[in-house]
Amino acid sequence: MGRPRSHRVSRLGARIAIGLLAAVSLCAGMAGAWFTYTDIARTRREIMSPQALAHGRGRWVQAADADMYLQEWGDPKQPTLLLTHGTGAWSGTWFALPDALAAAGWHVVAIDLPPFGLSLTADGTRVDYSRAAQARRILGVIDTLDAPVTLIGHSFGAGPALEAAMHAGTRVRQLVLVDPALGLGADGSPPQCMADDAPSIWLRPRGVRTALVAATATWPGLTGTMLKQFVHRKDVVTDVLVQPYQVPFARQGFSASLGNWAVAFANGNCEGVDSLDPRKLRAWAASGPAIALIWGEQDSITPIAQANALRSWMPSATLATLPDVGHIPHIEAPSAFAAVLIRQLR
């Protein structure tokens, strides 16, 4: 007689469990090997100073607690446009836009917000990456320019730009927010503080987050794939376009600094700054500088519903949209975006 059915089922279950355990162990081993490999590659890649990476282009200015790296285009005697970039970008990833703006008669200044690009901070482990701190750095740069500016903030850079504008007085004469990532809900609901959010928990060990960043955000082989998640027109992400985004990957301590920033960004909605408060936004906008919003209609990162919410808090703001464009207009539709931006400038 054969063995009882219950015994055969029990043995089958055990085999499945053993198979699953082996698969999990294999995946864990492969993941561990990948993290080890990319972390070693990081230490070999991140060996260059910001000065070496600048290749004589741009300059550094002392602003608040940082030596801010900036690049300039156009005649310094003309009205100044100050550009603040988005996540993963820097002053070297505006591509054709600064030249187009300079040709239209503007003095263009693009800065690097720490930890991105080539800006320098005293101690990478203790840098304040809050929106308020970034705003102070922006205001510090404006003070070195000795003239009021039009402030243009894209994506992540829009938050510090907005906060800076709210405290700038007459130093900012117009604010332009391009697909701003302000921590709003997908439907435009106000920012919600999530103090115990999971990302902030698993990013706390510094070594863990540095290895995680090295295996993903700063791994050169993934730059193009990650960039495509932010755009609607995937075909614009070519090798030629990707390379400038990778320049800071060789900067000393870049992955560690980016990991430190990620912790602050994960809890950004808990800062309690003025630009996260709709009531303060409304009061400020009523008597503040001119405000313009520019949005890609196909933006899946900051959906256009957020534009409607911002206009309810800042009724004087104008809104211009770009059809068939996602989150990064200056690479998806460079000419169309430049034309819209120039029309919005006052």
C-alpha atoms as a PDB file:
ATOM      1  CA  MET A   1       0.000   0.000   0.000  1.00  0.00           C
ATOM      2  CA  GLY A   2       1.083   3.542  -0.718  1.00  0.00           C
ATOM      3  CA  ARG A   3       1.690   6.166   1.876  1.00  0.00           C
ATOM      4  CA  PRO A   4      -1.292   8.105   3.224  1.00  0.00           C
ATOM      5  CA  ARG A   5      -2.309  11.156   1.167  1.00  0.00           C
ATOM      6  CA  SER A   6      -1.703  13.471   4.135  1.00  0.00           C
ATOM      7  CA  HIS A   7       1.905  12.296   4.311  1.00  0.00           C
ATOM      8  CA  ARG A   8       2.447  12.904   0.572  1.00  0.00           C
ATOM      9  CA  VAL A   9       0.931  16.418   0.871  1.00  0.00           C
ATOM     10  CA  SER A  10       3.160  17.124   3.866  1.00  0.00           C
ATOM     11  CA  ARG A  11       6.267  16.110   1.908  1.00  0.00           C
ATOM     12  CA  LEU A  12       5.179  18.253  -1.062  1.00  0.00           C
ATOM     13  CA  GLY A  13       4.669  21.242   1.212  1.00  0.00           C
ATOM     14  CA  ALA A  14       8.111  20.738   2.710  1.00  0.00           C
ATOM     15  CA  ARG A  15       9.687  20.626  -0.753  1.00  0.00           C
ATOM     16  CA  ILE A  16       7.903  23.843  -1.747  1.00  0.00           C
ATOM     17  CA  ALA A  17       9.024  25.538   1.451  1.00  0.00           C
ATOM     18  CA  ILE A  18      12.611  24.416   0.880  1.00  0.00           C
ATOM     19  CA  GLY A  19      12.428  25.650  -2.725  1.00  0.00           C
ATOM     20  CA  LEU A  20      11.104  29.025  -1.653  1.00  0.00           C
ATOM     21  CA  LEU A  21      13.748  29.337   1.038  1.00  0.00           C
ATOM     22  CA  ALA A  22      16.451  28.508  -1.492  1.00  0.00           C
ATOM     23  CA  ALA A  23      15.060  31.092  -3.924  1.00  0.00           C
ATOM     24  CA  VAL A  24      14.959  33.749  -1.217  1.00  0.00           C
ATOM     25  CA  SER A  25      18.510  32.876  -0.152  1.00  0.00           C
ATOM     26  CA  LEU A  26      19.678  33.079  -3.755  1.00  0.00           C
ATOM     27  CA  CYS A  27      18.022  36.461  -4.275  1.00  0.00           C
ATOM     28  CA  ALA A  28      19.471  37.744  -1.013  1.00  0.00           C
ATOM     29  CA  GLY A  29      22.913  36.550  -2.032  1.00  0.00           C
ATOM     30  CA  MET A  30      22.632  38.163  -5.447  1.00  0.00           C
ATOM     31  CA  ALA A  31      21.424  41.414  -3.881  1.00  0.00           C
ATOM     32  CA  GLY A  32      24.272  41.347  -1.389  1.00  0.00           C
ATOM     33  CA  ALA A  33      26.789  40.753  -4.162  1.00  0.00           C
ATOM     34  CA  TRP A  34      25.286  43.627  -6.191  1.00  0.00           C
ATOM     35  CA  PHE A  35      25.421  46.046  -3.258  1.00  0.00           C
ATOM     36  CA  THR A  36      29.004  45.029  -2.494  1.00  0.00           C
ATOM     37  CA  TYR A  37      30.058  45.414  -6.128  1.00  0.00           C
ATOM     38  CA  THR A  38      28.444  48.833  -6.619  1.00  0.00           C
ATOM     39  CA  ASP A  39      29.751  50.096  -3.270  1.00  0.00           C
ATOM     40  CA  ILE A  40      33.306  49.154  -4.213  1.00  0.00           C
ATOM     41  CA  ALA A  41      32.774  50.816  -7.603  1.00  0.00           C
ATOM     42  CA  ARG A  42      31.557  53.934  -5.789  1.00  0.00           C
ATOM     43  CA  THR A  43      34.786  54.244  -3.783  1.00  0.00           C
ATOM     44  CA  ARG A  44      36.806  53.947  -6.977  1.00  0.00           C
ATOM     45  CA  ARG A  45      34.629  56.391  -8.921  1.00  0.00           C
ATOM     46  CA  GLU A  46      34.079  59.152  -6.350  1.00  0.00           C
ATOM     47  CA  ILE A  47      37.624  60.484  -6.278  1.00  0.00           C
ATOM     48  CA  MET A  48      37.445  63.893  -7.972  1.00  0.00           C
ATOM     49  CA  SER A  49      37.144  67.308  -6.361  1.00  0.00           C
ATOM     50  CA  PRO A  50      34.373  69.687  -7.433  1.00  0.00           C
ATOM     51  CA  GLN A  51      37.047  72.047  -8.774  1.00  0.00           C
ATOM     52  CA  ALA A  52      38.417  69.340 -11.059  1.00  0.00           C
ATOM     53  CA  LEU A  53      34.947  68.446 -12.313  1.00  0.00           C
ATOM     54  CA  ALA A  54      34.168  72.098 -13.090  1.00  0.00           C
ATOM     55  CA  HIS A  55      36.963  72.197 -15.711  1.00  0.00           C
ATOM     56  CA  GLY A  56      37.347  75.932 -15.229  1.00  0.00           C
ATOM     57  CA  ARG A  57      33.678  76.612 -15.906  1.00  0.00           C
ATOM     58  CA  GLY A  58      31.540  78.526 -13.378  1.00  0.00           C
ATOM     59  CA  ARG A  59      32.507  79.806  -9.938  1.00  0.00           C
ATOM     60  CA  TRP A  60      31.776  79.403  -6.234  1.00  0.00           C
ATOM     61  CA  VAL A  61      30.235  82.049  -3.976  1.00  0.00           C
ATOM     62  CA  GLN A  62      29.790  81.944  -0.208  1.00  0.00           C
ATOM     63  CA  ALA A  63      26.086  81.784   0.618  1.00  0.00           C
ATOM     64  CA  ALA A  64      24.846  80.981   4.147  1.00  0.00           C
ATOM     65  CA  ASP A  65      26.680  77.777   5.167  1.00  0.00           C
ATOM     66  CA  ALA A  66      27.827  76.676   1.710  1.00  0.00           C
ATOM     67  CA  ASP A  67      30.131  77.541  -1.158  1.00  0.00           C
ATOM     68  CA  MET A  68      27.519  77.556  -3.886  1.00  0.00           C
ATOM     69  CA  TYR A  69      28.600  76.606  -7.389  1.00  0.00           C
ATOM     70  CA  LEU A  70      26.997  78.628 -10.163  1.00  0.00           C
ATOM     71  CA  GLN A  71      27.255  78.994 -13.910  1.00  0.00           C
ATOM     72  CA  GLU A  72      26.397  82.117 -15.871  1.00  0.00           C
ATOM     73  CA  TRP A  73      25.285  83.049 -19.373  1.00  0.00           C
ATOM     74  CA  GLY A  74      24.594  86.399 -21.027  1.00  0.00           C
ATOM     75  CA  ASP A  75      25.411  89.972 -20.121  1.00  0.00           C
ATOM     76  CA  PRO A  76      25.681  90.555 -16.322  1.00  0.00           C
ATOM     77  CA  LYS A  77      24.298  94.057 -16.894  1.00  0.00           C
ATOM     78  CA  GLN A  78      20.965  92.629 -18.025  1.00  0.00           C
ATOM     79  CA  PRO A  79      18.139  91.559 -15.658  1.00  0.00           C
ATOM     80  CA  THR A  80      19.008  88.314 -13.895  1.00  0.00           C
ATOM     81  CA  LEU A  81      17.210  84.987 -14.005  1.00  0.00           C
ATOM     82  CA  LEU A  82      18.227  82.581 -11.212  1.00  0.00           C
ATOM     83  CA  LEU A  83      17.566  78.900 -11.977  1.00  0.00           C
ATOM     84  CA  THR A  84      17.195  76.168  -9.332  1.00  0.00           C
ATOM     85  CA  HIS A  85      17.204  72.586 -10.579  1.00  0.00           C
ATOM     86  CA  GLY A  86      15.270  69.429  -9.731  1.00  0.00           C
ATOM     87  CA  THR A  87      16.270  66.126  -8.120  1.00  0.00           C
ATOM     88  CA  GLY A  88      19.319  64.491  -9.686  1.00  0.00           C
ATOM     89  CA  ALA A  89      20.019  67.572 -11.809  1.00  0.00           C
ATOM     90  CA  TRP A  90      22.516  70.404 -11.435  1.00  0.00           C
ATOM     91  CA  SER A  91      23.555  73.605 -13.196  1.00  0.00           C
ATOM     92  CA  GLY A  92      25.001  71.551 -16.043  1.00  0.00           C
ATOM     93  CA  THR A  93      21.699  69.896 -17.008  1.00  0.00           C
ATOM     94  CA  TRP A  94      19.727  72.899 -18.263  1.00  0.00           C
ATOM     95  CA  PHE A  95      21.117  72.154 -21.735  1.00  0.00           C
ATOM     96  CA  ALA A  96      19.998  74.723 -24.365  1.00  0.00           C
ATOM     97  CA  LEU A  97      17.731  76.747 -22.079  1.00  0.00           C
ATOM     98  CA  PRO A  98      20.305  79.223 -20.619  1.00  0.00           C
ATOM     99  CA  ASP A  99      21.574  80.117 -24.098  1.00  0.00           C
ATOM    100  CA  ALA A 100      18.004  80.708 -25.317  1.00  0.00           C
ATOM    101  CA  LEU A 101      17.261  82.950 -22.326  1.00  0.00           C
ATOM    102  CA  ALA A 102      20.537  84.838 -22.725  1.00  0.00           C
ATOM    103  CA  ALA A 103      19.747  85.403 -26.403  1.00  0.00           C
ATOM    104  CA  ALA A 104      16.404  86.896 -25.307  1.00  0.00           C
ATOM    105  CA  GLY A 105      18.258  89.515 -23.258  1.00  0.00           C
ATOM    106  CA  TRP A 106      18.666  87.999 -19.808  1.00  0.00           C
ATOM    107  CA  HIS A 107      21.613  87.393 -17.523  1.00  0.00           C
ATOM    108  CA  VAL A 108      21.172  83.727 -16.555  1.00  0.00           C
ATOM    109  CA  VAL A 109      22.577  82.233 -13.353  1.00  0.00           C
ATOM    110  CA  ALA A 110      22.128  78.516 -12.577  1.00  0.00           C
ATOM    111  CA  ILE A 111      23.094  77.233  -9.133  1.00  0.00           C
ATOM    112  CA  ASP A 112      23.656  73.813  -7.581  1.00  0.00           C
ATOM    113  CA  LEU A 113      21.592  73.074  -4.487  1.00  0.00           C
ATOM    114  CA  PRO A 114      23.526  70.789  -2.097  1.00  0.00           C
ATOM    115  CA  PRO A 115      24.119  67.881  -2.282  1.00  0.00           C
ATOM    116  CA  PHE A 116      23.651  67.992  -6.049  1.00  0.00           C
ATOM    117  CA  GLY A 117      26.200  69.234  -8.513  1.00  0.00           C
ATOM    118  CA  LEU A 118      29.403  70.864  -7.315  1.00  0.00           C
ATOM    119  CA  SER A 119      28.387  73.047  -4.378  1.00  0.00           C
ATOM    120  CA  LEU A 120      30.563  72.603  -1.288  1.00  0.00           C
ATOM    121  CA  THR A 121      29.534  72.277   2.342  1.00  0.00           C
ATOM    122  CA  ALA A 122      31.745  72.197   5.425  1.00  0.00           C
ATOM    123  CA  ASP A 123      30.750  68.768   6.767  1.00  0.00           C
ATOM    124  CA  GLY A 124      28.836  66.315   4.582  1.00  0.00           C
ATOM    125  CA  THR A 125      27.484  64.390   7.575  1.00  0.00           C
ATOM    126  CA  ARG A 126      25.885  67.394   9.263  1.00  0.00           C
ATOM    127  CA  VAL A 127      24.576  69.477   6.375  1.00  0.00           C
ATOM    128  CA  ASP A 128      21.091  70.931   6.778  1.00  0.00           C
ATOM    129  CA  TYR A 129      19.128  69.905   3.681  1.00  0.00           C
ATOM    130  CA  SER A 130      15.800  71.342   4.813  1.00  0.00           C
ATOM    131  CA  ARG A 131      13.795  73.592   2.522  1.00  0.00           C
ATOM    132  CA  ALA A 132      14.452  76.531   4.829  1.00  0.00           C
ATOM    133  CA  ALA A 133      18.225  75.950   4.701  1.00  0.00           C
ATOM    134  CA  GLN A 134      18.196  75.688   0.911  1.00  0.00           C
ATOM    135  CA  ALA A 135      16.174  78.922   0.774  1.00  0.00           C
ATOM    136  CA  ARG A 136      18.818  80.682   2.873  1.00  0.00           C
ATOM    137  CA  ARG A 137      21.476  79.535   0.419  1.00  0.00           C
ATOM    138  CA  ILE A 138      19.450  80.870  -2.508  1.00  0.00           C
ATOM    139  CA  LEU A 139      19.015  84.219  -0.761  1.00  0.00           C
ATOM    140  CA  GLY A 140      22.739  84.270  -0.037  1.00  0.00           C
ATOM    141  CA  VAL A 141      23.478  83.835  -3.742  1.00  0.00           C
ATOM    142  CA  ILE A 142      21.018  86.609  -4.620  1.00  0.00           C
ATOM    143  CA  ASP A 143      22.828  88.922  -2.204  1.00  0.00           C
ATOM    144  CA  THR A 144      26.091  88.351  -4.101  1.00  0.00           C
ATOM    145  CA  LEU A 145      24.423  89.367  -7.372  1.00  0.00           C
ATOM    146  CA  ASP A 146      23.608  92.872  -6.053  1.00  0.00           C
ATOM    147  CA  ALA A 147      20.316  93.150  -7.943  1.00  0.00           C
ATOM    148  CA  PRO A 148      16.754  91.801  -7.749  1.00  0.00           C
ATOM    149  CA  VAL A 149      16.225  88.548  -9.648  1.00  0.00           C
ATOM    150  CA  THR A 150      13.509  86.560 -11.312  1.00  0.00           C
ATOM    151  CA  LEU A 151      13.617  83.184  -9.576  1.00  0.00           C
ATOM    152  CA  ILE A 152      12.828  80.059 -11.599  1.00  0.00           C
ATOM    153  CA  GLY A 153      12.482  76.781  -9.692  1.00  0.00           C
ATOM    154  CA  HIS A 154      11.954  73.377 -11.266  1.00  0.00           C
ATOM    155  CA  SER A 155      10.633  70.263  -9.501  1.00  0.00           C
ATOM    156  CA  PHE A 156      12.432  69.767  -6.155  1.00  0.00           C
ATOM    157  CA  GLY A 157      14.144  73.130  -6.636  1.00  0.00           C
ATOM    158  CA  ALA A 158      10.764  74.878  -6.680  1.00  0.00           C
ATOM    159  CA  GLY A 159      10.224  74.314  -2.942  1.00  0.00           C
ATOM    160  CA  PRO A 160      13.359  76.176  -1.821  1.00  0.00           C
ATOM    161  CA  ALA A 161      12.709  78.807  -4.518  1.00  0.00           C
ATOM    162  CA  LEU A 162       9.198  79.431  -3.198  1.00  0.00           C
ATOM    163  CA  GLU A 163      10.416  79.550   0.403  1.00  0.00           C
ATOM    164  CA  ALA A 164      13.184  81.965  -0.591  1.00  0.00           C
ATOM    165  CA  ALA A 165      10.740  84.206  -2.460  1.00  0.00           C
ATOM    166  CA  MET A 166       8.476  84.378   0.595  1.00  0.00           C
ATOM    167  CA  HIS A 167      11.373  85.788   2.632  1.00  0.00           C
ATOM    168  CA  ALA A 168      13.145  87.788  -0.062  1.00  0.00           C
ATOM    169  CA  GLY A 169      11.243  91.051   0.079  1.00  0.00           C
ATOM    170  CA  THR A 170      12.195  93.105  -2.962  1.00  0.00           C
ATOM    171  CA  ARG A 171      15.135  90.829  -3.815  1.00  0.00           C
ATOM    172  CA  VAL A 172      12.802  88.650  -5.950  1.00  0.00           C
ATOM    173  CA  ARG A 173      10.672  90.489  -8.471  1.00  0.00           C
ATOM    174  CA  GLN A 174       9.046  87.452 -10.084  1.00  0.00           C
ATOM    175  CA  LEU A 175       8.725  83.763  -9.226  1.00  0.00           C
ATOM    176  CA  VAL A 176       8.305  81.062 -11.870  1.00  0.00           C
ATOM    177  CA  LEU A 177       7.578  77.491 -10.717  1.00  0.00           C
ATOM    178  CA  VAL A 178       8.010  74.741 -13.310  1.00  0.00           C
ATOM    179  CA  ASP A 179       6.301  71.434 -12.501  1.00  0.00           C
ATOM    180  CA  PRO A 180       6.989  72.153  -8.811  1.00  0.00           C
ATOM    181  CA  ALA A 181       7.419  69.222  -6.408  1.00  0.00           C
ATOM    182  CA  LEU A 182       6.055  70.803  -3.233  1.00  0.00           C
ATOM    183  CA  GLY A 183       4.902  67.717  -1.355  1.00  0.00           C
ATOM    184  CA  LEU A 184       1.259  68.033  -2.395  1.00  0.00           C
ATOM    185  CA  GLY A 185      -1.017  65.035  -2.782  1.00  0.00           C
ATOM    186  CA  ALA A 186      -1.672  63.764  -6.313  1.00  0.00           C
ATOM    187  CA  ASP A 187      -5.039  65.558  -6.203  1.00  0.00           C
ATOM    188  CA  GLY A 188      -3.461  68.786  -4.982  1.00  0.00           C
ATOM    189  CA  SER A 189      -4.246  68.264  -1.304  1.00  0.00           C
ATOM    190  CA  PRO A 190      -2.030  70.206   1.130  1.00  0.00           C
ATOM    191  CA  PRO A 191       1.252  68.648   2.323  1.00  0.00           C
ATOM    192  CA  GLN A 192       0.823  66.060   5.061  1.00  0.00           C
ATOM    193  CA  CYS A 193       3.466  65.407   7.711  1.00  0.00           C
ATOM    194  CA  MET A 194       4.330  61.704   7.902  1.00  0.00           C
ATOM    195  CA  ALA A 195       6.923  61.701  10.676  1.00  0.00           C
ATOM    196  CA  ASP A 196       7.036  57.892  10.892  1.00  0.00           C
ATOM    197  CA  ASP A 197       7.139  57.327   7.153  1.00  0.00           C
ATOM    198  CA  ALA A 198       8.920  54.080   6.226  1.00  0.00           C
ATOM    199  CA  PRO A 199      11.640  55.595   3.981  1.00  0.00           C
ATOM    200  CA  SER A 200      13.005  57.661   6.857  1.00  0.00           C
ATOM    201  CA  ILE A 201      13.323  54.499   8.960  1.00  0.00           C
ATOM    202  CA  TRP A 202      15.240  52.285   6.559  1.00  0.00           C
ATOM    203  CA  LEU A 203      17.428  55.167   5.434  1.00  0.00           C
ATOM    204  CA  ARG A 204      18.668  55.988   8.936  1.00  0.00           C
ATOM    205  CA  PRO A 205      21.810  53.779   9.017  1.00  0.00           C
ATOM    206  CA  ARG A 206      24.311  55.881   7.070  1.00  0.00           C
ATOM    207  CA  GLY A 207      26.214  52.948   5.612  1.00  0.00           C
ATOM    208  CA  VAL A 208      22.998  51.311   4.426  1.00  0.00           C
ATOM    209  CA  ARG A 209      21.678  54.383   2.663  1.00  0.00           C
ATOM    210  CA  THR A 210      25.047  55.121   1.054  1.00  0.00           C
ATOM    211  CA  ALA A 211      25.211  51.591  -0.354  1.00  0.00           C
ATOM    212  CA  LEU A 212      21.596  51.822  -1.503  1.00  0.00           C
ATOM    213  CA  VAL A 213      22.233  55.112  -3.311  1.00  0.00           C
ATOM    214  CA  ALA A 214      25.414  53.725  -4.899  1.00  0.00           C
ATOM    215  CA  ALA A 215      23.461  50.729  -6.215  1.00  0.00           C
ATOM    216  CA  THR A 216      20.660  52.823  -7.679  1.00  0.00           C
ATOM    217  CA  ALA A 217      20.696  56.613  -7.977  1.00  0.00           C
ATOM    218  CA  THR A 218      24.428  57.035  -8.632  1.00  0.00           C
ATOM    219  CA  TRP A 219      25.013  53.808 -10.547  1.00  0.00           C
ATOM    220  CA  PRO A 220      25.754  55.039 -14.094  1.00  0.00           C
ATOM    221  CA  GLY A 221      24.063  52.079 -15.739  1.00  0.00           C
ATOM    222  CA  LEU A 222      20.694  53.080 -14.273  1.00  0.00           C
ATOM    223  CA  THR A 223      20.738  56.820 -15.000  1.00  0.00           C
ATOM    224  CA  GLY A 224      18.853  56.591 -18.275  1.00  0.00           C
ATOM    225  CA  THR A 225      16.275  54.171 -16.893  1.00  0.00           C
ATOM    226  CA  MET A 226      15.611  56.372 -13.875  1.00  0.00           C
ATOM    227  CA  LEU A 227      15.433  59.546 -15.958  1.00  0.00           C
ATOM    228  CA  LYS A 228      12.774  57.977 -18.186  1.00  0.00           C
ATOM    229  CA  GLN A 229      10.490  57.648 -15.160  1.00  0.00           C
ATOM    230  CA  PHE A 230      10.285  61.454 -15.009  1.00  0.00           C
ATOM    231  CA  VAL A 231       9.478  62.210 -18.638  1.00  0.00           C
ATOM    232  CA  HIS A 232       6.544  61.581 -20.937  1.00  0.00           C
ATOM    233  CA  ARG A 233       8.613  61.577 -24.109  1.00  0.00           C
ATOM    234  CA  LYS A 234      10.905  58.622 -23.449  1.00  0.00           C
ATOM    235  CA  ASP A 235      12.788  58.981 -26.743  1.00  0.00           C
ATOM    236  CA  VAL A 236      14.496  62.183 -25.567  1.00  0.00           C
ATOM    237  CA  VAL A 237      16.577  60.221 -23.045  1.00  0.00           C
ATOM    238  CA  THR A 238      19.629  59.485 -25.184  1.00  0.00           C
ATOM    239  CA  ASP A 239      23.182  58.643 -24.150  1.00  0.00           C
ATOM    240  CA  VAL A 240      24.251  62.178 -25.050  1.00  0.00           C
ATOM    241  CA  LEU A 241      21.597  63.650 -22.745  1.00  0.00           C
ATOM    242  CA  VAL A 242      22.328  61.229 -19.896  1.00  0.00           C
ATOM    243  CA  GLN A 243      26.070  61.942 -19.676  1.00  0.00           C
ATOM    244  CA  PRO A 244      25.807  65.442 -18.117  1.00  0.00           C
ATOM    245  CA  TYR A 245      23.618  64.042 -15.327  1.00  0.00           C
ATOM    246  CA  GLN A 246      26.454  61.651 -14.452  1.00  0.00           C
ATOM    247  CA  VAL A 247      29.205  64.277 -14.066  1.00  0.00           C
ATOM    248  CA  PRO A 248      28.720  64.692 -10.270  1.00  0.00           C
ATOM    249  CA  PHE A 249      28.885  60.897  -9.817  1.00  0.00           C
ATOM    250  CA  ALA A 250      32.671  61.232  -9.711  1.00  0.00           C
ATOM    251  CA  ARG A 251      32.619  63.850  -6.932  1.00  0.00           C
ATOM    252  CA  GLN A 252      34.186  62.844  -3.630  1.00  0.00           C
ATOM    253  CA  GLY A 253      31.555  61.579  -1.172  1.00  0.00           C
ATOM    254  CA  PHE A 254      28.670  62.159  -3.589  1.00  0.00           C
ATOM    255  CA  SER A 255      26.639  58.996  -2.798  1.00  0.00           C
ATOM    256  CA  ALA A 256      26.943  59.520   0.959  1.00  0.00           C
ATOM    257  CA  SER A 257      25.794  63.138   0.639  1.00  0.00           C
ATOM    258  CA  LEU A 258      22.873  62.113  -1.545  1.00  0.00           C
ATOM    259  CA  GLY A 259      21.837  59.526   1.035  1.00  0.00           C
ATOM    260  CA  ASN A 260      21.899  62.158   3.770  1.00  0.00           C
ATOM    261  CA  TRP A 261      19.741  64.424   1.612  1.00  0.00           C
ATOM    262  CA  ALA A 262      17.255  61.591   0.963  1.00  0.00           C
ATOM    263  CA  VAL A 263      16.498  61.305   4.686  1.00  0.00           C
ATOM    264  CA  ALA A 264      15.708  65.012   4.916  1.00  0.00           C
ATOM    265  CA  PHE A 265      13.650  64.911   1.722  1.00  0.00           C
ATOM    266  CA  ALA A 266      11.625  61.917   2.948  1.00  0.00           C
ATOM    267  CA  ASN A 267      10.431  63.966   5.915  1.00  0.00           C
ATOM    268  CA  GLY A 268      10.294  67.301   4.123  1.00  0.00           C
ATOM    269  CA  ASN A 269       6.590  67.830   4.770  1.00  0.00           C
ATOM    270  CA  CYS A 270       7.246  67.932   8.517  1.00  0.00           C
ATOM    271  CA  GLU A 271       9.468  71.009   8.416  1.00  0.00           C
ATOM    272  CA  GLY A 272       6.705  73.494   9.203  1.00  0.00           C
ATOM    273  CA  VAL A 273       8.089  76.144   6.833  1.00  0.00           C
ATOM    274  CA  ASP A 274       5.938  78.945   5.427  1.00  0.00           C
ATOM    275  CA  SER A 275       5.835  77.524   1.888  1.00  0.00           C
ATOM    276  CA  LEU A 276       4.078  74.388   3.201  1.00  0.00           C
ATOM    277  CA  ASP A 277       1.229  76.371   4.753  1.00  0.00           C
ATOM    278  CA  PRO A 278      -1.612  77.239   2.309  1.00  0.00           C
ATOM    279  CA  ARG A 279      -2.823  80.061   4.551  1.00  0.00           C
ATOM    280  CA  LYS A 280       0.584  81.738   4.597  1.00  0.00           C
ATOM    281  CA  LEU A 281       0.958  81.160   0.864  1.00  0.00           C
ATOM    282  CA  ARG A 282      -2.348  82.905   0.210  1.00  0.00           C
ATOM    283  CA  ALA A 283      -1.476  85.862   2.406  1.00  0.00           C
ATOM    284  CA  TRP A 284       1.971  86.260   0.882  1.00  0.00           C
ATOM    285  CA  ALA A 285       0.805  85.893  -2.739  1.00  0.00           C
ATOM    286  CA  ALA A 286      -1.751  88.671  -2.245  1.00  0.00           C
ATOM    287  CA  SER A 287       1.021  91.258  -1.937  1.00  0.00           C
ATOM    288  CA  GLY A 288       4.115  89.458  -3.189  1.00  0.00           C
ATOM    289  CA  PRO A 289       5.860  89.386  -6.567  1.00  0.00           C
ATOM    290  CA  ALA A 290       4.306  88.182  -9.808  1.00  0.00           C
ATOM    291  CA  ILE A 291       3.961  84.378  -9.848  1.00  0.00           C
ATOM    292  CA  ALA A 292       3.836  82.145 -12.914  1.00  0.00           C
ATOM    293  CA  LEU A 293       3.290  78.388 -13.106  1.00  0.00           C
ATOM    294  CA  ILE A 294       4.413  76.272 -16.064  1.00  0.00           C
ATOM    295  CA  TRP A 295       3.294  72.654 -16.234  1.00  0.00           C
ATOM    296  CA  GLY A 296       3.657  69.649 -18.504  1.00  0.00           C
ATOM    297  CA  GLU A 297       0.146  68.343 -19.115  1.00  0.00           C
ATOM    298  CA  GLN A 298       1.376  64.722 -18.995  1.00  0.00           C
ATOM    299  CA  ASP A 299       3.388  65.122 -15.782  1.00  0.00           C
ATOM    300  CA  SER A 300       2.934  61.934 -13.719  1.00  0.00           C
ATOM    301  CA  ILE A 301       5.333  63.025 -10.942  1.00  0.00           C
ATOM    302  CA  THR A 302       3.492  66.218 -10.015  1.00  0.00           C
ATOM    303  CA  PRO A 303       0.094  65.860 -11.746  1.00  0.00           C
ATOM    304  CA  ILE A 304      -1.478  68.988 -13.146  1.00  0.00           C
ATOM    305  CA  ALA A 305      -4.227  68.791 -10.501  1.00  0.00           C
ATOM    306  CA  GLN A 306      -1.601  70.265  -8.191  1.00  0.00           C
ATOM    307  CA  ALA A 307      -1.487  73.381 -10.380  1.00  0.00           C
ATOM    308  CA  ASN A 308      -5.170  73.998  -9.708  1.00  0.00           C
ATOM    309  CA  ALA A 309      -4.575  73.698  -5.962  1.00  0.00           C
ATOM    310  CA  LEU A 310      -1.700  76.170  -6.088  1.00  0.00           C
ATOM    311  CA  ARG A 311      -3.820  78.647  -8.003  1.00  0.00           C
ATOM    312  CA  SER A 312      -6.494  78.405  -5.322  1.00  0.00           C
ATOM    313  CA  TRP A 313      -3.848  79.369  -2.746  1.00  0.00           C
ATOM    314  CA  MET A 314      -2.171  81.929  -5.012  1.00  0.00           C
ATOM    315  CA  PRO A 315      -5.054  83.353  -7.104  1.00  0.00           C
ATOM    316  CA  SER A 316      -2.841  85.890  -8.842  1.00  0.00           C
ATOM    317  CA  ALA A 317      -0.601  83.190 -10.328  1.00  0.00           C
ATOM    318  CA  THR A 318      -0.777  82.576 -14.056  1.00  0.00           C
ATOM    319  CA  LEU A 319      -0.682  79.064 -15.486  1.00  0.00           C
ATOM    320  CA  ALA A 320       0.790  77.970 -18.819  1.00  0.00           C
ATOM    321  CA  THR A 321       0.689  74.326 -19.882  1.00  0.00           C
ATOM    322  CA  LEU A 322       2.700  72.297 -22.364  1.00  0.00           C
ATOM    323  CA  PRO A 323       0.839  69.513 -24.212  1.00  0.00           C
ATOM    324  CA  ASP A 324       2.457  66.091 -24.595  1.00  0.00           C
ATOM    325  CA  VAL A 325       5.126  67.019 -22.028  1.00  0.00           C
ATOM    326  CA  GLY A 326       5.900  65.394 -18.694  1.00  0.00           C
ATOM    327  CA  HIS A 327       7.923  66.499 -15.678  1.00  0.00           C
ATOM    328  CA  ILE A 328      11.063  67.914 -17.337  1.00  0.00           C
ATOM    329  CA  PRO A 329       9.974  70.381 -20.044  1.00  0.00           C
ATOM    330  CA  HIS A 330      13.450  71.711 -20.824  1.00  0.00           C
ATOM    331  CA  ILE A 331      14.565  68.316 -22.148  1.00  0.00           C
ATOM    332  CA  GLU A 332      11.234  67.077 -23.531  1.00  0.00           C
ATOM    333  CA  ALA A 333      10.299  70.191 -25.526  1.00  0.00           C
ATOM    334  CA  PRO A 334      13.242  72.619 -25.301  1.00  0.00           C
ATOM    335  CA  SER A 335      12.097  75.183 -27.879  1.00  0.00           C
ATOM    336  CA  ALA A 336       8.441  75.176 -26.830  1.00  0.00           C
ATOM    337  CA  PHE A 337       9.346  75.459 -23.161  1.00  0.00           C
ATOM    338  CA  ALA A 338      11.805  78.308 -23.751  1.00  0.00           C
ATOM    339  CA  ALA A 339       9.161  80.194 -25.738  1.00  0.00           C
ATOM    340  CA  VAL A 340       6.528  79.732 -23.024  1.00  0.00           C
ATOM    341  CA  LEU A 341       8.964  80.713 -20.280  1.00  0.00           C
ATOM    342  CA  ILE A 342      10.049  83.871 -22.090  1.00  0.00           C
ATOM    343  CA  ARG A 343       6.412  84.877 -22.556  1.00  0.00           C
ATOM    344  CA  GLN A 344       5.833  84.444 -18.830  1.00  0.00           C
ATOM    345  CA  LEU A 345       8.766  86.609 -17.808  1.00  0.00           C
ATOM    346  CA  ARG A 346       7.870  90.157 -16.873  1.00  0.00           C
END
